[in-house]
């Protein structure tokens, strides 16, 4: 299984390496669209800023009961994870 995966990966890399289409190996790669993102980033912004109503919203206070429920749920998940790990080792 490992050998076939290795051979498949090697064949895939050779196939991708063969996809090059340049006739002259000394020719440097040219990116025709390199300047396009820079030009669009420099355009003027015409939209007005919008206030975010939820930006200053306060989070609900955590009650002691909510904290205990979260702690109990976390302990249950940890116990289930330990049991699954122990079952996987056997």
C-alpha atoms as a PDB file:
ATOM      1  CA  UNK A   1       0.000   0.000   0.000  1.00  0.00           C
ATOM      2  CA  UNK A   2       2.795   2.422   0.877  1.00  0.00           C
ATOM      3  CA  UNK A   3       4.701   1.529  -2.257  1.00  0.00           C
ATOM      4  CA  UNK A   4       1.691   2.136  -4.493  1.00  0.00           C
ATOM      5  CA  UNK A   5       1.020   5.499  -2.803  1.00  0.00           C
ATOM      6  CA  UNK A   6       4.641   6.494  -3.313  1.00  0.00           C
ATOM      7  CA  UNK A   7       4.563   5.451  -6.963  1.00  0.00           C
ATOM      8  CA  UNK A   8       1.298   7.298  -7.512  1.00  0.00           C
ATOM      9  CA  UNK A   9       2.707  10.461  -5.921  1.00  0.00           C
ATOM     10  CA  UNK A  10       5.881  10.221  -8.014  1.00  0.00           C
ATOM     11  CA  UNK A  11       3.882   9.714 -11.210  1.00  0.00           C
ATOM     12  CA  UNK A  12       1.665  12.677 -10.345  1.00  0.00           C
ATOM     13  CA  UNK A  13       4.635  14.956  -9.735  1.00  0.00           C
ATOM     14  CA  UNK A  14       6.270  13.906 -12.973  1.00  0.00           C
ATOM     15  CA  UNK A  15       3.034  14.527 -14.853  1.00  0.00           C
ATOM     16  CA  UNK A  16       2.738  18.003 -13.352  1.00  0.00           C
ATOM     17  CA  UNK A  17       6.372  18.754 -14.123  1.00  0.00           C
ATOM     18  CA  UNK A  18       5.790  17.794 -17.744  1.00  0.00           C
ATOM     19  CA  UNK A  19       3.017  20.385 -18.075  1.00  0.00           C
ATOM     20  CA  UNK A  20       5.474  23.265 -18.509  1.00  0.00           C
ATOM     21  CA  UNK A  21       5.068  24.936 -21.868  1.00  0.00           C
ATOM     22  CA  UNK A  22       8.163  27.100 -22.304  1.00  0.00           C
ATOM     23  CA  UNK A  23      10.631  26.370 -25.061  1.00  0.00           C
ATOM     24  CA  UNK A  24      13.406  28.447 -23.528  1.00  0.00           C
ATOM     25  CA  UNK A  25      14.427  27.402 -20.019  1.00  0.00           C
ATOM     26  CA  UNK A  26      16.267  30.678 -19.423  1.00  0.00           C
ATOM     27  CA  UNK A  27      13.127  32.749 -19.963  1.00  0.00           C
ATOM     28  CA  UNK A  28      11.822  34.117 -16.666  1.00  0.00           C
ATOM     29  CA  UNK A  29       8.207  33.687 -15.727  1.00  0.00           C
ATOM     30  CA  UNK A  30       6.130  36.765 -16.468  1.00  0.00           C
ATOM     31  CA  UNK A  31       2.961  37.554 -14.600  1.00  0.00           C
ATOM     32  CA  UNK A  32       0.654  39.644 -16.768  1.00  0.00           C
ATOM     33  CA  UNK A  33      -1.922  40.350 -14.083  1.00  0.00           C
ATOM     34  CA  UNK A  34       0.388  41.306 -11.227  1.00  0.00           C
ATOM     35  CA  UNK A  35      -0.523  44.989 -11.372  1.00  0.00           C
ATOM     36  CA  UNK A  36      -4.285  44.468 -11.633  1.00  0.00           C
ATOM     37  CA  UNK A  37      -4.967  43.839  -7.892  1.00  0.00           C
ATOM     38  CA  UNK A  38      -2.754  46.777  -6.937  1.00  0.00           C
ATOM     39  CA  UNK A  39      -4.676  49.110  -9.256  1.00  0.00           C
ATOM     40  CA  UNK A  40      -8.048  48.084  -7.859  1.00  0.00           C
ATOM     41  CA  UNK A  41      -6.814  48.565  -4.295  1.00  0.00           C
ATOM     42  CA  UNK A  42      -5.797  52.150  -5.079  1.00  0.00           C
ATOM     43  CA  UNK A  43      -9.186  53.171  -6.480  1.00  0.00           C
ATOM     44  CA  UNK A  44     -11.095  55.795  -4.500  1.00  0.00           C
ATOM     45  CA  UNK A  45     -13.733  54.585  -2.080  1.00  0.00           C
ATOM     46  CA  UNK A  46     -17.084  56.198  -2.855  1.00  0.00           C
ATOM     47  CA  UNK A  47     -19.356  54.402  -0.384  1.00  0.00           C
ATOM     48  CA  UNK A  48     -20.309  56.004   2.902  1.00  0.00           C
ATOM     49  CA  UNK A  49     -19.397  54.173   6.120  1.00  0.00           C
ATOM     50  CA  UNK A  50     -22.262  52.345   7.818  1.00  0.00           C
ATOM     51  CA  UNK A  51     -22.662  52.125  11.575  1.00  0.00           C
ATOM     52  CA  UNK A  52     -22.685  48.585  12.956  1.00  0.00           C
ATOM     53  CA  UNK A  53     -25.501  48.292  15.478  1.00  0.00           C
ATOM     54  CA  UNK A  54     -23.965  45.197  17.083  1.00  0.00           C
ATOM     55  CA  UNK A  55     -20.513  46.716  17.503  1.00  0.00           C
ATOM     56  CA  UNK A  56     -21.189  48.068  20.979  1.00  0.00           C
ATOM     57  CA  UNK A  57     -23.633  45.387  22.106  1.00  0.00           C
ATOM     58  CA  UNK A  58     -22.737  43.894  25.445  1.00  0.00           C
ATOM     59  CA  UNK A  59     -22.541  40.129  25.834  1.00  0.00           C
ATOM     60  CA  UNK A  60     -24.949  38.506  28.239  1.00  0.00           C
ATOM     61  CA  UNK A  61     -23.484  37.987  31.676  1.00  0.00           C
ATOM     62  CA  UNK A  62     -22.503  34.418  32.483  1.00  0.00           C
ATOM     63  CA  UNK A  63     -24.414  33.107  35.450  1.00  0.00           C
ATOM     64  CA  UNK A  64     -23.039  30.566  37.876  1.00  0.00           C
ATOM     65  CA  UNK A  65     -25.493  27.957  36.583  1.00  0.00           C
ATOM     66  CA  UNK A  66     -24.394  28.527  32.977  1.00  0.00           C
ATOM     67  CA  UNK A  67     -20.738  28.212  33.965  1.00  0.00           C
ATOM     68  CA  UNK A  68     -21.409  24.994  35.875  1.00  0.00           C
ATOM     69  CA  UNK A  69     -23.369  23.544  32.950  1.00  0.00           C
ATOM     70  CA  UNK A  70     -20.501  24.352  30.586  1.00  0.00           C
ATOM     71  CA  UNK A  71     -17.953  22.820  32.968  1.00  0.00           C
ATOM     72  CA  UNK A  72     -20.034  19.647  33.325  1.00  0.00           C
ATOM     73  CA  UNK A  73     -20.431  19.359  29.559  1.00  0.00           C
ATOM     74  CA  UNK A  74     -16.681  19.790  29.100  1.00  0.00           C
ATOM     75  CA  UNK A  75     -15.990  17.108  31.711  1.00  0.00           C
ATOM     76  CA  UNK A  76     -18.396  14.735  29.942  1.00  0.00           C
ATOM     77  CA  UNK A  77     -16.674  15.329  26.609  1.00  0.00           C
ATOM     78  CA  UNK A  78     -13.241  14.780  28.171  1.00  0.00           C
ATOM     79  CA  UNK A  79     -14.403  11.521  29.764  1.00  0.00           C
ATOM     80  CA  UNK A  80     -15.848  10.331  26.448  1.00  0.00           C
ATOM     81  CA  UNK A  81     -12.596  11.191  24.669  1.00  0.00           C
ATOM     82  CA  UNK A  82     -10.545   9.293  27.252  1.00  0.00           C
ATOM     83  CA  UNK A  83     -12.853   6.280  26.949  1.00  0.00           C
ATOM     84  CA  UNK A  84     -12.577   6.338  23.159  1.00  0.00           C
ATOM     85  CA  UNK A  85      -8.784   6.579  23.354  1.00  0.00           C
ATOM     86  CA  UNK A  86      -8.639   3.674  25.808  1.00  0.00           C
ATOM     87  CA  UNK A  87     -10.912   1.583  23.582  1.00  0.00           C
ATOM     88  CA  UNK A  88      -8.763   2.347  20.540  1.00  0.00           C
ATOM     89  CA  UNK A  89      -5.592   1.201  22.314  1.00  0.00           C
ATOM     90  CA  UNK A  90      -7.055  -2.224  23.163  1.00  0.00           C
END
